[in-house]
Amino acid sequence: MPNIHQFYTTQLAADMRVKFQDQQLDLIQVWNMTDFTRLQENLIGHLITQKRRRLTPTLFIASLDSEFEIISVNNITGQVILETLSQTTRSVLAGSLIEFLQQLTPIIRKQYD
């Protein structure tokens, strides 16, 4: 999936807090090459779990405050979905990763000295 590849390999950064519609989430980013390797291992583990459960494969791109929900990209259709872990519950948020990213609003956190 070319969009996922670009999403994870264009820049090195900390996770980014954003708002999608009325929900806050953290876009998963990669700090360095060691972090990238760990991310790849987690994505492979996620795909293996889905295969065992006979679910459509997805690749996660964001986390939510709930530890049971993630934002993922459907590896077959390219749609961005809200996925509930360990369940088949999935709802489409956007038709593509680009469409999803265009709907995000960054959340600026104030830093105090």
PDB file of N, CA and C in Angstrom:
ATOM      1  N   MET A   1       0.850  -1.163   0.000  1.00  0.00           N
ATOM      2  CA  MET A   1       0.000   0.000   0.000  1.00  0.00           C
ATOM      3  C   MET A   1       0.906   1.240   0.000  1.00  0.00           C
ATOM      4  N   PRO A   2       1.018   1.918  -1.155  1.00  0.00           N
ATOM      5  CA  PRO A   2       1.940   3.045  -1.283  1.00  0.00           C
ATOM      6  C   PRO A   2       1.672   4.198  -0.315  1.00  0.00           C
ATOM      7  N   ASN A   3       0.418   4.534  -0.043  1.00  0.00           N
ATOM      8  CA  ASN A   3       0.123   5.648   0.854  1.00  0.00           C
ATOM      9  C   ASN A   3       0.632   5.397   2.266  1.00  0.00           C
ATOM     10  N   ILE A   4       0.512   4.166   2.746  1.00  0.00           N
ATOM     11  CA  ILE A   4       1.017   3.827   4.078  1.00  0.00           C
ATOM     12  C   ILE A   4       2.538   3.961   4.095  1.00  0.00           C
ATOM     13  N   HIS A   5       3.176   3.495   3.057  1.00  0.00           N
ATOM     14  CA  HIS A   5       4.633   3.596   2.971  1.00  0.00           C
ATOM     15  C   HIS A   5       5.057   5.059   3.068  1.00  0.00           C
ATOM     16  N   GLN A   6       4.426   5.930   2.308  1.00  0.00           N
ATOM     17  CA  GLN A   6       4.748   7.355   2.361  1.00  0.00           C
ATOM     18  C   GLN A   6       4.416   7.947   3.726  1.00  0.00           C
ATOM     19  N   PHE A   7       3.310   7.533   4.308  1.00  0.00           N
ATOM     20  CA  PHE A   7       2.896   8.050   5.615  1.00  0.00           C
ATOM     21  C   PHE A   7       3.970   7.807   6.666  1.00  0.00           C
ATOM     22  N   TYR A   8       4.548   6.606   6.662  1.00  0.00           N
ATOM     23  CA  TYR A   8       5.525   6.259   7.692  1.00  0.00           C
ATOM     24  C   TYR A   8       6.973   6.588   7.326  1.00  0.00           C
ATOM     25  N   THR A   9       7.272   6.901   6.069  1.00  0.00           N
ATOM     26  CA  THR A   9       8.677   7.084   5.694  1.00  0.00           C
ATOM     27  C   THR A   9       9.026   8.482   5.200  1.00  0.00           C
ATOM     28  N   THR A  10       8.094   9.411   5.199  1.00  0.00           N
ATOM     29  CA  THR A  10       8.373  10.757   4.703  1.00  0.00           C
ATOM     30  C   THR A  10       9.142  11.601   5.709  1.00  0.00           C
ATOM     31  N   GLN A  11       8.904  11.383   6.985  1.00  0.00           N
ATOM     32  CA  GLN A  11       9.558  12.214   8.000  1.00  0.00           C
ATOM     33  C   GLN A  11       9.773  11.423   9.283  1.00  0.00           C
ATOM     34  N   LEU A  12      10.690  11.915  10.100  1.00  0.00           N
ATOM     35  CA  LEU A  12      10.876  11.402  11.452  1.00  0.00           C
ATOM     36  C   LEU A  12      10.253  12.427  12.387  1.00  0.00           C
ATOM     37  N   ALA A  13       9.373  11.974  13.274  1.00  0.00           N
ATOM     38  CA  ALA A  13       8.660  12.907  14.146  1.00  0.00           C
ATOM     39  C   ALA A  13       8.056  12.164  15.323  1.00  0.00           C
ATOM     40  N   ALA A  14       7.653  12.941  16.319  1.00  0.00           N
ATOM     41  CA  ALA A  14       6.878  12.399  17.435  1.00  0.00           C
ATOM     42  C   ALA A  14       5.437  12.227  16.971  1.00  0.00           C
ATOM     43  N   ASP A  15       4.670  11.440  17.715  1.00  0.00           N
ATOM     44  CA  ASP A  15       3.248  11.297  17.390  1.00  0.00           C
ATOM     45  C   ASP A  15       2.606  12.679  17.369  1.00  0.00           C
ATOM     46  N   MET A  16       1.609  12.842  16.511  1.00  0.00           N
ATOM     47  CA  MET A  16       0.959  14.137  16.335  1.00  0.00           C
ATOM     48  C   MET A  16      -0.476  14.087  16.823  1.00  0.00           C
ATOM     49  N   ARG A  17      -0.819  14.953  17.764  1.00  0.00           N
ATOM     50  CA  ARG A  17      -2.183  15.046  18.300  1.00  0.00           C
ATOM     51  C   ARG A  17      -3.027  15.852  17.326  1.00  0.00           C
ATOM     52  N   VAL A  18      -4.145  15.284  16.891  1.00  0.00           N
ATOM     53  CA  VAL A  18      -5.029  15.933  15.934  1.00  0.00           C
ATOM     54  C   VAL A  18      -6.480  15.692  16.317  1.00  0.00           C
ATOM     55  N   LYS A  19      -7.343  16.435  15.655  1.00  0.00           N
ATOM     56  CA  LYS A  19      -8.773  16.262  15.857  1.00  0.00           C
ATOM     57  C   LYS A  19      -9.396  15.838  14.529  1.00  0.00           C
ATOM     58  N   PHE A  20     -10.208  14.801  14.582  1.00  0.00           N
ATOM     59  CA  PHE A  20     -10.983  14.350  13.427  1.00  0.00           C
ATOM     60  C   PHE A  20     -12.444  14.401  13.838  1.00  0.00           C
ATOM     61  N   GLN A  21     -13.186  15.262  13.167  1.00  0.00           N
ATOM     62  CA  GLN A  21     -14.574  15.517  13.539  1.00  0.00           C
ATOM     63  C   GLN A  21     -14.608  15.910  15.012  1.00  0.00           C
ATOM     64  N   ASP A  22     -15.232  15.137  15.883  1.00  0.00           N
ATOM     65  CA  ASP A  22     -15.283  15.529  17.303  1.00  0.00           C
ATOM     66  C   ASP A  22     -14.367  14.675  18.176  1.00  0.00           C
ATOM     67  N   GLN A  23     -13.455  13.939  17.561  1.00  0.00           N
ATOM     68  CA  GLN A  23     -12.610  13.013  18.312  1.00  0.00           C
ATOM     69  C   GLN A  23     -11.133  13.379  18.194  1.00  0.00           C
ATOM     70  N   GLN A  24     -10.437  13.358  19.344  1.00  0.00           N
ATOM     71  CA  GLN A  24      -8.999  13.581  19.340  1.00  0.00           C
ATOM     72  C   GLN A  24      -8.280  12.245  19.203  1.00  0.00           C
ATOM     73  N   LEU A  25      -7.166  12.274  18.477  1.00  0.00           N
ATOM     74  CA  LEU A  25      -6.379  11.060  18.269  1.00  0.00           C
ATOM     75  C   LEU A  25      -4.929  11.438  18.063  1.00  0.00           C
ATOM     76  N   ASP A  26      -4.063  10.438  18.117  1.00  0.00           N
ATOM     77  CA  ASP A  26      -2.634  10.635  17.890  1.00  0.00           C
ATOM     78  C   ASP A  26      -2.223   9.885  16.641  1.00  0.00           C
ATOM     79  N   LEU A  27      -1.745  10.636  15.638  1.00  0.00           N
ATOM     80  CA  LEU A  27      -1.184   9.994  14.454  1.00  0.00           C
ATOM     81  C   LEU A  27       0.135   9.362  14.855  1.00  0.00           C
ATOM     82  N   ILE A  28       0.297   8.113  14.542  1.00  0.00           N
ATOM     83  CA  ILE A  28       1.520   7.401  14.901  1.00  0.00           C
ATOM     84  C   ILE A  28       2.625   7.810  13.937  1.00  0.00           C
ATOM     85  N   GLN A  29       3.735   8.237  14.484  1.00  0.00           N
ATOM     86  CA  GLN A  29       4.882   8.651  13.696  1.00  0.00           C
ATOM     87  C   GLN A  29       6.096   7.853  14.138  1.00  0.00           C
ATOM     88  N   VAL A  30       7.187   7.995  13.410  1.00  0.00           N
ATOM     89  CA  VAL A  30       8.411   7.257  13.683  1.00  0.00           C
ATOM     90  C   VAL A  30       9.505   8.237  14.082  1.00  0.00           C
ATOM     91  N   TRP A  31      10.148   7.963  15.243  1.00  0.00           N
ATOM     92  CA  TRP A  31      11.223   8.829  15.760  1.00  0.00           C
ATOM     93  C   TRP A  31      12.545   8.628  15.026  1.00  0.00           C
ATOM     94  N   ASN A  32      12.887   7.359  14.790  1.00  0.00           N
ATOM     95  CA  ASN A  32      14.181   7.024  14.210  1.00  0.00           C
ATOM     96  C   ASN A  32      14.089   5.619  13.598  1.00  0.00           C
ATOM     97  N   MET A  33      15.183   5.121  13.075  1.00  0.00           N
ATOM     98  CA  MET A  33      15.143   3.825  12.390  1.00  0.00           C
ATOM     99  C   MET A  33      14.869   2.666  13.356  1.00  0.00           C
ATOM    100  N   THR A  34      15.322   2.760  14.590  1.00  0.00           N
ATOM    101  CA  THR A  34      15.022   1.724  15.580  1.00  0.00           C
ATOM    102  C   THR A  34      13.514   1.685  15.842  1.00  0.00           C
ATOM    103  N   ASP A  35      12.924   2.857  15.984  1.00  0.00           N
ATOM    104  CA  ASP A  35      11.479   2.965  16.173  1.00  0.00           C
ATOM    105  C   ASP A  35      10.738   2.435  14.947  1.00  0.00           C
ATOM    106  N   PHE A  36      11.266   2.705  13.753  1.00  0.00           N
ATOM    107  CA  PHE A  36      10.645   2.218  12.518  1.00  0.00           C
ATOM    108  C   PHE A  36      10.629   0.694  12.499  1.00  0.00           C
ATOM    109  N   THR A  37      11.721   0.079  12.914  1.00  0.00           N
ATOM    110  CA  THR A  37      11.788  -1.390  12.969  1.00  0.00           C
ATOM    111  C   THR A  37      10.745  -1.942  13.938  1.00  0.00           C
ATOM    112  N   ARG A  38      10.613  -1.316  15.098  1.00  0.00           N
ATOM    113  CA  ARG A  38       9.606  -1.746  16.077  1.00  0.00           C
ATOM    114  C   ARG A  38       8.197  -1.580  15.512  1.00  0.00           C
ATOM    115  N   LEU A  39       7.950  -0.481  14.810  1.00  0.00           N
ATOM    116  CA  LEU A  39       6.644  -0.262  14.182  1.00  0.00           C
ATOM    117  C   LEU A  39       6.353  -1.359  13.167  1.00  0.00           C
ATOM    118  N   GLN A  40       7.329  -1.690  12.335  1.00  0.00           N
ATOM    119  CA  GLN A  40       7.135  -2.758  11.348  1.00  0.00           C
ATOM    120  C   GLN A  40       6.767  -4.074  12.039  1.00  0.00           C
ATOM    121  N   GLU A  41       7.442  -4.401  13.116  1.00  0.00           N
ATOM    122  CA  GLU A  41       7.147  -5.629  13.856  1.00  0.00           C
ATOM    123  C   GLU A  41       5.726  -5.603  14.406  1.00  0.00           C
ATOM    124  N   ASN A  42       5.298  -4.447  14.935  1.00  0.00           N
ATOM    125  CA  ASN A  42       3.930  -4.328  15.456  1.00  0.00           C
ATOM    126  C   ASN A  42       2.892  -4.442  14.350  1.00  0.00           C
ATOM    127  N   LEU A  43       3.172  -3.845  13.196  1.00  0.00           N
ATOM    128  CA  LEU A  43       2.245  -3.952  12.066  1.00  0.00           C
ATOM    129  C   LEU A  43       2.130  -5.403  11.577  1.00  0.00           C
ATOM    130  N   ILE A  44       3.251  -6.104  11.521  1.00  0.00           N
ATOM    131  CA  ILE A  44       3.234  -7.513  11.109  1.00  0.00           C
ATOM    132  C   ILE A  44       2.439  -8.338  12.116  1.00  0.00           C
ATOM    133  N   GLY A  45       2.652  -8.098  13.398  1.00  0.00           N
ATOM    134  CA  GLY A  45       1.888  -8.804  14.430  1.00  0.00           C
ATOM    135  C   GLY A  45       0.398  -8.542  14.305  1.00  0.00           C
ATOM    136  N   HIS A  46       0.047  -7.285  14.017  1.00  0.00           N
ATOM    137  CA  HIS A  46      -1.360  -6.910  13.828  1.00  0.00           C
ATOM    138  C   HIS A  46      -1.952  -7.670  12.639  1.00  0.00           C
ATOM    139  N   LEU A  47      -1.209  -7.744  11.539  1.00  0.00           N
ATOM    140  CA  LEU A  47      -1.689  -8.449  10.343  1.00  0.00           C
ATOM    141  C   LEU A  47      -1.846  -9.951  10.597  1.00  0.00           C
ATOM    142  N   ILE A  48      -0.916 -10.537  11.328  1.00  0.00           N
ATOM    143  CA  ILE A  48      -0.994 -11.973  11.643  1.00  0.00           C
ATOM    144  C   ILE A  48      -2.223 -12.264  12.495  1.00  0.00           C
ATOM    145  N   THR A  49      -2.472 -11.421  13.486  1.00  0.00           N
ATOM    146  CA  THR A  49      -3.662 -11.586  14.337  1.00  0.00           C
ATOM    147  C   THR A  49      -4.928 -11.497  13.495  1.00  0.00           C
ATOM    148  N   GLN A  50      -4.971 -10.559  12.587  1.00  0.00           N
ATOM    149  CA  GLN A  50      -6.152 -10.424  11.728  1.00  0.00           C
ATOM    150  C   GLN A  50      -6.328 -11.643  10.828  1.00  0.00           C
ATOM    151  N   LYS A  51      -5.238 -12.162  10.304  1.00  0.00           N
ATOM    152  CA  LYS A  51      -5.321 -13.349   9.454  1.00  0.00           C
ATOM    153  C   LYS A  51      -5.884 -14.526  10.236  1.00  0.00           C
ATOM    154  N   ARG A  52      -5.420 -14.701  11.458  1.00  0.00           N
ATOM    155  CA  ARG A  52      -5.921 -15.803  12.302  1.00  0.00           C
ATOM    156  C   ARG A  52      -7.419 -15.673  12.554  1.00  0.00           C
ATOM    157  N   ARG A  53      -7.885 -14.433  12.686  1.00  0.00           N
ATOM    158  CA  ARG A  53      -9.311 -14.186  12.948  1.00  0.00           C
ATOM    159  C   ARG A  53     -10.132 -14.045  11.671  1.00  0.00           C
ATOM    160  N   ARG A  54      -9.460 -14.212  10.540  1.00  0.00           N
ATOM    161  CA  ARG A  54     -10.104 -14.106   9.225  1.00  0.00           C
ATOM    162  C   ARG A  54     -10.757 -12.750   8.996  1.00  0.00           C
ATOM    163  N   LEU A  55     -10.046 -11.696   9.409  1.00  0.00           N
ATOM    164  CA  LEU A  55     -10.499 -10.326   9.207  1.00  0.00           C
ATOM    165  C   LEU A  55      -9.769  -9.720   8.012  1.00  0.00           C
ATOM    166  N   THR A  56     -10.390  -8.753   7.390  1.00  0.00           N
ATOM    167  CA  THR A  56      -9.743  -8.005   6.325  1.00  0.00           C
ATOM    168  C   THR A  56      -8.506  -7.330   6.912  1.00  0.00           C
ATOM    169  N   PRO A  57      -7.352  -7.419   6.235  1.00  0.00           N
ATOM    170  CA  PRO A  57      -6.133  -6.836   6.795  1.00  0.00           C
ATOM    171  C   PRO A  57      -6.174  -5.313   6.842  1.00  0.00           C
ATOM    172  N   THR A  58      -5.698  -4.764   7.957  1.00  0.00           N
ATOM    173  CA  THR A  58      -5.598  -3.320   8.127  1.00  0.00           C
ATOM    174  C   THR A  58      -4.235  -2.977   8.698  1.00  0.00           C
ATOM    175  N   LEU A  59      -3.819  -1.742   8.462  1.00  0.00           N
ATOM    176  CA  LEU A  59      -2.568  -1.228   9.003  1.00  0.00           C
ATOM    177  C   LEU A  59      -2.893   0.016   9.814  1.00  0.00           C
ATOM    178  N   PHE A  60      -2.546   0.011  11.096  1.00  0.00           N
ATOM    179  CA  PHE A  60      -2.937   1.118  11.965  1.00  0.00           C
ATOM    180  C   PHE A  60      -2.081   2.354  11.704  1.00  0.00           C
ATOM    181  N   ILE A  61      -2.731   3.537  11.851  1.00  0.00           N
ATOM    182  CA  ILE A  61      -2.038   4.807  11.645  1.00  0.00           C
ATOM    183  C   ILE A  61      -2.234   5.769  12.806  1.00  0.00           C
ATOM    184  N   ALA A  62      -3.194   5.467  13.691  1.00  0.00           N
ATOM    185  CA  ALA A  62      -3.474   6.389  14.791  1.00  0.00           C
ATOM    186  C   ALA A  62      -4.047   5.641  15.980  1.00  0.00           C
ATOM    187  N   SER A  63      -3.814   6.210  17.154  1.00  0.00           N
ATOM    188  CA  SER A  63      -4.381   5.649  18.376  1.00  0.00           C
ATOM    189  C   SER A  63      -5.362   6.650  18.971  1.00  0.00           C
ATOM    190  N   LEU A  64      -6.303   6.126  19.712  1.00  0.00           N
ATOM    191  CA  LEU A  64      -7.311   6.937  20.387  1.00  0.00           C
ATOM    192  C   LEU A  64      -7.094   6.837  21.889  1.00  0.00           C
ATOM    193  N   ASP A  65      -7.799   7.656  22.646  1.00  0.00           N
ATOM    194  CA  ASP A  65      -7.677   7.583  24.096  1.00  0.00           C
ATOM    195  C   ASP A  65      -8.133   6.228  24.624  1.00  0.00           C
ATOM    196  N   SER A  66      -9.095   5.615  23.951  1.00  0.00           N
ATOM    197  CA  SER A  66      -9.530   4.270  24.308  1.00  0.00           C
ATOM    198  C   SER A  66      -8.476   3.274  23.833  1.00  0.00           C
ATOM    199  N   GLU A  67      -8.015   2.420  24.713  1.00  0.00           N
ATOM    200  CA  GLU A  67      -6.983   1.450  24.322  1.00  0.00           C
ATOM    201  C   GLU A  67      -7.525   0.334  23.434  1.00  0.00           C
ATOM    202  N   PHE A  68      -8.827   0.310  23.209  1.00  0.00           N
ATOM    203  CA  PHE A  68      -9.437  -0.747  22.407  1.00  0.00           C
ATOM    204  C   PHE A  68      -9.780  -0.312  20.990  1.00  0.00           C
ATOM    205  N   GLU A  69      -9.562   0.974  20.678  1.00  0.00           N
ATOM    206  CA  GLU A  69      -9.891   1.471  19.345  1.00  0.00           C
ATOM    207  C   GLU A  69      -8.663   2.077  18.683  1.00  0.00           C
ATOM    208  N   ILE A  70      -8.558   1.843  17.371  1.00  0.00           N
ATOM    209  CA  ILE A  70      -7.475   2.426  16.577  1.00  0.00           C
ATOM    210  C   ILE A  70      -8.043   2.889  15.245  1.00  0.00           C
ATOM    211  N   ILE A  71      -7.299   3.768  14.602  1.00  0.00           N
ATOM    212  CA  ILE A  71      -7.616   4.183  13.246  1.00  0.00           C
ATOM    213  C   ILE A  71      -6.669   3.409  12.335  1.00  0.00           C
ATOM    214  N   SER A  72      -7.233   2.764  11.323  1.00  0.00           N
ATOM    215  CA  SER A  72      -6.448   1.926  10.431  1.00  0.00           C
ATOM    216  C   SER A  72      -6.807   2.200   8.978  1.00  0.00           C
ATOM    217  N   VAL A  73      -5.945   1.711   8.104  1.00  0.00           N
ATOM    218  CA  VAL A  73      -6.217   1.752   6.672  1.00  0.00           C
ATOM    219  C   VAL A  73      -6.481   0.317   6.228  1.00  0.00           C
ATOM    220  N   ASN A  74      -7.623   0.119   5.576  1.00  0.00           N
ATOM    221  CA  ASN A  74      -7.964  -1.192   5.024  1.00  0.00           C
ATOM    222  C   ASN A  74      -6.969  -1.478   3.905  1.00  0.00           C
ATOM    223  N   ASN A  75      -6.235  -2.572   4.020  1.00  0.00           N
ATOM    224  CA  ASN A  75      -5.164  -2.884   3.089  1.00  0.00           C
ATOM    225  C   ASN A  75      -5.676  -3.281   1.708  1.00  0.00           C
ATOM    226  N   ILE A  76      -6.957  -3.556   1.577  1.00  0.00           N
ATOM    227  CA  ILE A  76      -7.531  -3.952   0.293  1.00  0.00           C
ATOM    228  C   ILE A  76      -8.203  -2.766  -0.398  1.00  0.00           C
ATOM    229  N   THR A  77      -9.042  -2.028   0.331  1.00  0.00           N
ATOM    230  CA  THR A  77      -9.802  -0.932  -0.273  1.00  0.00           C
ATOM    231  C   THR A  77      -9.117   0.422  -0.159  1.00  0.00           C
ATOM    232  N   GLY A  78      -8.209   0.580   0.817  1.00  0.00           N
ATOM    233  CA  GLY A  78      -7.574   1.864   1.052  1.00  0.00           C
ATOM    234  C   GLY A  78      -8.396   2.798   1.934  1.00  0.00           C
ATOM    235  N   GLN A  79      -9.582   2.359   2.358  1.00  0.00           N
ATOM    236  CA  GLN A  79     -10.422   3.181   3.220  1.00  0.00           C
ATOM    237  C   GLN A  79      -9.803   3.299   4.613  1.00  0.00           C
ATOM    238  N   VAL A  80     -10.019   4.452   5.244  1.00  0.00           N
ATOM    239  CA  VAL A  80      -9.585   4.645   6.624  1.00  0.00           C
ATOM    240  C   VAL A  80     -10.764   4.293   7.511  1.00  0.00           C
ATOM    241  N   ILE A  81     -10.495   3.464   8.516  1.00  0.00           N
ATOM    242  CA  ILE A  81     -11.569   2.948   9.358  1.00  0.00           C
ATOM    243  C   ILE A  81     -11.260   3.126  10.837  1.00  0.00           C
ATOM    244  N   LEU A  82     -12.321   3.159  11.617  1.00  0.00           N
ATOM    245  CA  LEU A  82     -12.233   3.073  13.064  1.00  0.00           C
ATOM    246  C   LEU A  82     -12.412   1.605  13.394  1.00  0.00           C
ATOM    247  N   GLU A  83     -11.440   1.042  14.071  1.00  0.00           N
ATOM    248  CA  GLU A  83     -11.414  -0.396  14.328  1.00  0.00           C
ATOM    249  C   GLU A  83     -11.406  -0.645  15.834  1.00  0.00           C
ATOM    250  N   THR A  84     -12.254  -1.534  16.286  1.00  0.00           N
ATOM    251  CA  THR A  84     -12.251  -1.950  17.681  1.00  0.00           C
ATOM    252  C   THR A  84     -11.470  -3.253  17.767  1.00  0.00           C
ATOM    253  N   LEU A  85     -10.377  -3.234  18.535  1.00  0.00           N
ATOM    254  CA  LEU A  85      -9.512  -4.416  18.637  1.00  0.00           C
ATOM    255  C   LEU A  85     -10.266  -5.601  19.215  1.00  0.00           C
ATOM    256  N   SER A  86      -9.903  -6.777  18.751  1.00  0.00           N
ATOM    257  CA  SER A  86     -10.494  -8.052  19.194  1.00  0.00           C
ATOM    258  C   SER A  86     -11.962  -8.189  18.820  1.00  0.00           C
ATOM    259  N   GLN A  87     -12.436  -7.329  17.930  1.00  0.00           N
ATOM    260  CA  GLN A  87     -13.821  -7.418  17.462  1.00  0.00           C
ATOM    261  C   GLN A  87     -13.848  -7.207  15.958  1.00  0.00           C
ATOM    262  N   THR A  88     -14.965  -7.511  15.364  1.00  0.00           N
ATOM    263  CA  THR A  88     -15.121  -7.279  13.936  1.00  0.00           C
ATOM    264  C   THR A  88     -15.731  -5.909  13.656  1.00  0.00           C
ATOM    265  N   THR A  89     -15.968  -5.123  14.705  1.00  0.00           N
ATOM    266  CA  THR A  89     -16.573  -3.797  14.570  1.00  0.00           C
ATOM    267  C   THR A  89     -15.620  -2.852  13.843  1.00  0.00           C
ATOM    268  N   ARG A  90     -16.082  -2.320  12.700  1.00  0.00           N
ATOM    269  CA  ARG A  90     -15.294  -1.372  11.925  1.00  0.00           C
ATOM    270  C   ARG A  90     -16.245  -0.385  11.262  1.00  0.00           C
ATOM    271  N   SER A  91     -15.869   0.876  11.265  1.00  0.00           N
ATOM    272  CA  SER A  91     -16.682   1.860  10.558  1.00  0.00           C
ATOM    273  C   SER A  91     -15.773   2.734   9.699  1.00  0.00           C
ATOM    274  N   VAL A  92     -16.230   3.041   8.502  1.00  0.00           N
ATOM    275  CA  VAL A  92     -15.441   3.814   7.545  1.00  0.00           C
ATOM    276  C   VAL A  92     -15.460   5.287   7.937  1.00  0.00           C
ATOM    277  N   LEU A  93     -14.273   5.884   8.012  1.00  0.00           N
ATOM    278  CA  LEU A  93     -14.126   7.303   8.331  1.00  0.00           C
ATOM    279  C   LEU A  93     -13.841   8.141   7.089  1.00  0.00           C
ATOM    280  N   ALA A  94     -13.142   7.551   6.119  1.00  0.00           N
ATOM    281  CA  ALA A  94     -12.787   8.268   4.889  1.00  0.00           C
ATOM    282  C   ALA A  94     -12.493   7.251   3.789  1.00  0.00           C
ATOM    283  N   GLY A  95     -12.648   7.693   2.572  1.00  0.00           N
ATOM    284  CA  GLY A  95     -12.435   6.808   1.424  1.00  0.00           C
ATOM    285  C   GLY A  95     -10.980   6.488   1.146  1.00  0.00           C
ATOM    286  N   SER A  96     -10.064   7.327   1.655  1.00  0.00           N
ATOM    287  CA  SER A  96      -8.636   7.110   1.425  1.00  0.00           C
ATOM    288  C   SER A  96      -7.841   7.784   2.535  1.00  0.00           C
ATOM    289  N   LEU A  97      -6.579   7.452   2.616  1.00  0.00           N
ATOM    290  CA  LEU A  97      -5.703   8.072   3.613  1.00  0.00           C
ATOM    291  C   LEU A  97      -5.563   9.567   3.350  1.00  0.00           C
ATOM    292  N   ILE A  98      -5.424   9.950   2.105  1.00  0.00           N
ATOM    293  CA  ILE A  98      -5.297  11.373   1.767  1.00  0.00           C
ATOM    294  C   ILE A  98      -6.555  12.126   2.185  1.00  0.00           C
ATOM    295  N   GLU A  99      -7.715  11.572   1.879  1.00  0.00           N
ATOM    296  CA  GLU A  99      -8.980  12.203   2.266  1.00  0.00           C
ATOM    297  C   GLU A  99      -9.072  12.343   3.784  1.00  0.00           C
ATOM    298  N   PHE A 100      -8.651  11.334   4.510  1.00  0.00           N
ATOM    299  CA  PHE A 100      -8.670  11.369   5.969  1.00  0.00           C
ATOM    300  C   PHE A 100      -7.738  12.464   6.490  1.00  0.00           C
ATOM    301  N   LEU A 101      -6.501  12.500   5.996  1.00  0.00           N
ATOM    302  CA  LEU A 101      -5.525  13.480   6.471  1.00  0.00           C
ATOM    303  C   LEU A 101      -5.978  14.913   6.196  1.00  0.00           C
ATOM    304  N   GLN A 102      -6.674  15.125   5.105  1.00  0.00           N
ATOM    305  CA  GLN A 102      -7.160  16.472   4.769  1.00  0.00           C
ATOM    306  C   GLN A 102      -8.234  16.952   5.738  1.00  0.00           C
ATOM    307  N   GLN A 103      -8.874  16.047   6.447  1.00  0.00           N
ATOM    308  CA  GLN A 103      -9.938  16.411   7.380  1.00  0.00           C
ATOM    309  C   GLN A 103      -9.437  16.654   8.808  1.00  0.00           C
ATOM    310  N   LEU A 104      -8.147  16.474   9.042  1.00  0.00           N
ATOM    311  CA  LEU A 104      -7.590  16.609  10.381  1.00  0.00           C
ATOM    312  C   LEU A 104      -7.272  18.059  10.719  1.00  0.00           C
ATOM    313  N   THR A 105      -7.432  18.381  11.993  1.00  0.00           N
ATOM    314  CA  THR A 105      -7.048  19.683  12.518  1.00  0.00           C
ATOM    315  C   THR A 105      -5.983  19.444  13.582  1.00  0.00           C
ATOM    316  N   PRO A 106      -4.803  20.053  13.439  1.00  0.00           N
ATOM    317  CA  PRO A 106      -3.763  19.851  14.459  1.00  0.00           C
ATOM    318  C   PRO A 106      -4.166  20.459  15.794  1.00  0.00           C
ATOM    319  N   ILE A 107      -3.732  19.817  16.850  1.00  0.00           N
ATOM    320  CA  ILE A 107      -3.943  20.338  18.202  1.00  0.00           C
ATOM    321  C   ILE A 107      -2.586  20.799  18.708  1.00  0.00           C
ATOM    322  N   ILE A 108      -2.500  22.073  18.983  1.00  0.00           N
ATOM    323  CA  ILE A 108      -1.243  22.650  19.464  1.00  0.00           C
ATOM    324  C   ILE A 108      -1.241  22.581  20.978  1.00  0.00           C
ATOM    325  N   ARG A 109      -0.235  21.926  21.514  1.00  0.00           N
ATOM    326  CA  ARG A 109      -0.086  21.828  22.961  1.00  0.00           C
ATOM    327  C   ARG A 109       0.874  22.910  23.435  1.00  0.00           C
ATOM    328  N   LYS A 110       0.483  23.610  24.451  1.00  0.00           N
ATOM    329  CA  LYS A 110       1.371  24.637  25.016  1.00  0.00           C
ATOM    330  C   LYS A 110       2.427  23.965  25.870  1.00  0.00           C
ATOM    331  N   GLN A 111       3.634  24.427  25.703  1.00  0.00           N
ATOM    332  CA  GLN A 111       4.722  23.926  26.546  1.00  0.00           C
ATOM    333  C   GLN A 111       5.072  24.998  27.563  1.00  0.00           C
ATOM    334  N   TYR A 112       5.289  24.568  28.769  1.00  0.00           N
ATOM    335  CA  TYR A 112       5.631  25.479  29.847  1.00  0.00           C
ATOM    336  C   TYR A 112       7.051  25.186  30.309  1.00  0.00           C
ATOM    337  N   ASP A 113       7.788  26.234  30.606  1.00  0.00           N
ATOM    338  CA  ASP A 113       9.176  26.062  31.082  1.00  0.00           C
ATOM    339  C   ASP A 113       9.210  25.702  32.542  1.00  0.00           C
TER     340      ASP A 113
END
